[in-house]
Amino acid sequence: NKVYATRKEVALRMMDTLGCTYSTAQSGLFVWAKVPAQVASVEKWIDELLYETKVFITPGFIFGEQGSRYIRISLCSPEEKMKEAHERIKNWINSKSKVGQTLLEKQ
């Protein structure tokens, strides 16, 4: 339980970095979060994240209509891998802001 609690903390920091909202009362092997309203297309946003950072975050729309504005992070990876993924995401966001773009740019 302690291992998964630590992984959950890292996943929640990733969600914070991405500007997502979530409940801390979640349990299980995944953390779900709502994508910011400013993101026009979750599918395009997740694809950009994947291609730019090599970090895969599951888009909720693959689970049906009710998941369309959500993403999911698995807690099944080792903590160090999750921390590495978080660093990649932070670097991606920082690089976007350095070139005058915003993370939540409408596409």
Protein backbone atom coordinates (compact mmCIF):
# COMPACT_ATOMS: atom_id res chain seq x y z
CA ASN A 1 0.00 0.00 0.00
CA LYS A 2 2.86 2.34 0.80
CA VAL A 3 4.43 1.78 -2.65
CA TYR A 4 1.17 2.63 -4.41
CA ALA A 5 0.55 5.64 -2.15
CA THR A 6 3.93 7.05 -3.17
CA ARG A 7 3.22 6.41 -6.85
CA LYS A 8 -0.16 8.10 -6.43
CA GLU A 9 1.54 11.22 -5.05
CA VAL A 10 3.72 11.39 -8.18
CA ALA A 11 0.69 10.86 -10.44
CA LEU A 12 -1.19 13.66 -8.67
CA ARG A 13 1.79 15.99 -9.17
CA MET A 14 1.69 15.12 -12.88
CA MET A 15 -2.00 15.98 -12.95
CA ASP A 16 -1.27 19.28 -11.18
CA THR A 17 1.44 20.08 -13.72
CA LEU A 18 -1.03 19.40 -16.53
CA GLY A 19 -3.66 21.64 -14.92
CA CYS A 20 -6.13 18.82 -14.36
CA THR A 21 -8.64 18.50 -11.51
CA TYR A 22 -9.17 15.31 -9.53
CA SER A 23 -10.34 13.79 -6.29
CA THR A 24 -7.70 12.69 -3.81
CA ALA A 25 -10.14 10.07 -2.49
CA GLN A 26 -9.52 7.74 -5.44
CA SER A 27 -8.34 4.20 -4.81
CA GLY A 28 -7.12 1.47 -7.08
CA LEU A 29 -4.36 1.23 -9.66
CA PHE A 30 -5.21 4.40 -11.60
CA VAL A 31 -5.69 8.10 -11.01
CA TRP A 32 -8.39 9.82 -13.06
CA ALA A 33 -8.52 13.55 -13.66
CA LYS A 34 -10.61 16.03 -15.61
CA VAL A 35 -8.80 17.86 -18.40
CA PRO A 36 -8.86 21.68 -18.21
CA ALA A 37 -11.78 23.27 -20.07
CA GLN A 38 -9.33 25.28 -22.19
CA VAL A 39 -8.11 22.13 -23.92
CA ALA A 40 -10.13 22.06 -27.12
CA SER A 41 -9.33 18.46 -28.09
CA VAL A 42 -8.25 15.94 -25.48
CA GLU A 43 -7.21 13.55 -28.24
CA LYS A 44 -4.87 16.09 -29.87
CA TRP A 45 -3.53 17.20 -26.48
CA ILE A 46 -2.71 13.64 -25.39
CA ASP A 47 -1.14 12.88 -28.79
CA GLU A 48 1.06 15.97 -28.56
CA LEU A 49 2.09 14.99 -25.04
CA LEU A 50 2.97 11.48 -26.23
CA TYR A 51 4.97 12.56 -29.28
CA GLU A 52 6.79 15.40 -27.50
CA THR A 53 7.57 13.66 -24.19
CA LYS A 54 7.27 9.93 -24.94
CA VAL A 55 4.89 9.70 -21.96
CA PHE A 56 1.62 7.86 -22.53
CA ILE A 57 -1.35 8.99 -20.47
CA THR A 58 -4.54 7.13 -21.22
CA PRO A 59 -7.31 9.31 -22.64
CA GLY A 60 -10.64 8.60 -21.00
CA PHE A 61 -12.62 8.75 -24.24
CA ILE A 62 -11.46 5.22 -25.08
CA PHE A 63 -13.71 4.05 -22.22
CA GLY A 64 -16.82 5.76 -23.58
CA GLU A 65 -18.59 9.11 -23.72
CA GLN A 66 -18.46 9.78 -19.97
CA GLY A 67 -14.66 9.62 -20.07
CA SER A 68 -14.33 12.11 -22.92
CA ARG A 69 -12.91 14.99 -20.84
CA TYR A 70 -10.76 12.80 -18.56
CA ILE A 71 -7.33 11.22 -18.54
CA ARG A 72 -5.98 8.32 -16.52
CA ILE A 73 -2.50 7.61 -15.13
CA SER A 74 -1.56 4.09 -14.14
CA LEU A 75 0.15 3.46 -10.82
CA CYS A 76 1.74 0.24 -12.10
CA SER A 77 5.09 1.76 -13.16
CA PRO A 78 8.01 2.04 -10.74
CA GLU A 79 8.22 5.33 -8.85
CA GLU A 80 11.46 6.32 -10.59
CA LYS A 81 9.86 5.89 -14.05
CA MET A 82 6.90 7.98 -12.95
CA LYS A 83 9.21 10.72 -11.67
CA GLU A 84 11.07 10.64 -14.98
CA ALA A 85 7.75 10.99 -16.83
CA HIS A 86 6.83 13.94 -14.63
CA GLU A 87 10.15 15.64 -15.41
CA ARG A 88 9.56 15.15 -19.13
CA ILE A 89 6.11 16.70 -18.82
CA LYS A 90 7.47 19.68 -16.86
CA ASN A 91 10.22 20.21 -19.45
CA TRP A 92 7.65 20.06 -22.25
CA ILE A 93 5.46 22.67 -20.59
CA ASN A 94 8.47 24.90 -19.92
CA SER A 95 9.65 24.62 -23.53
CA LYS A 96 6.18 25.55 -24.79
CA SER A 97 6.05 28.64 -22.62
CA LYS A 98 9.55 29.70 -23.69
CA VAL A 99 8.46 29.92 -27.31
CA GLY A 100 5.38 31.99 -26.45
CA GLN A 101 2.88 29.16 -26.49
CA THR A 102 0.54 28.15 -23.72
CA LEU A 103 -0.07 24.62 -22.56
CA LEU A 104 -3.78 25.02 -23.00
CA GLU A 105 -3.62 26.57 -26.45
CA LYS A 106 -6.76 25.96 -28.44
CA GLN A 107 -6.10 23.73 -31.41
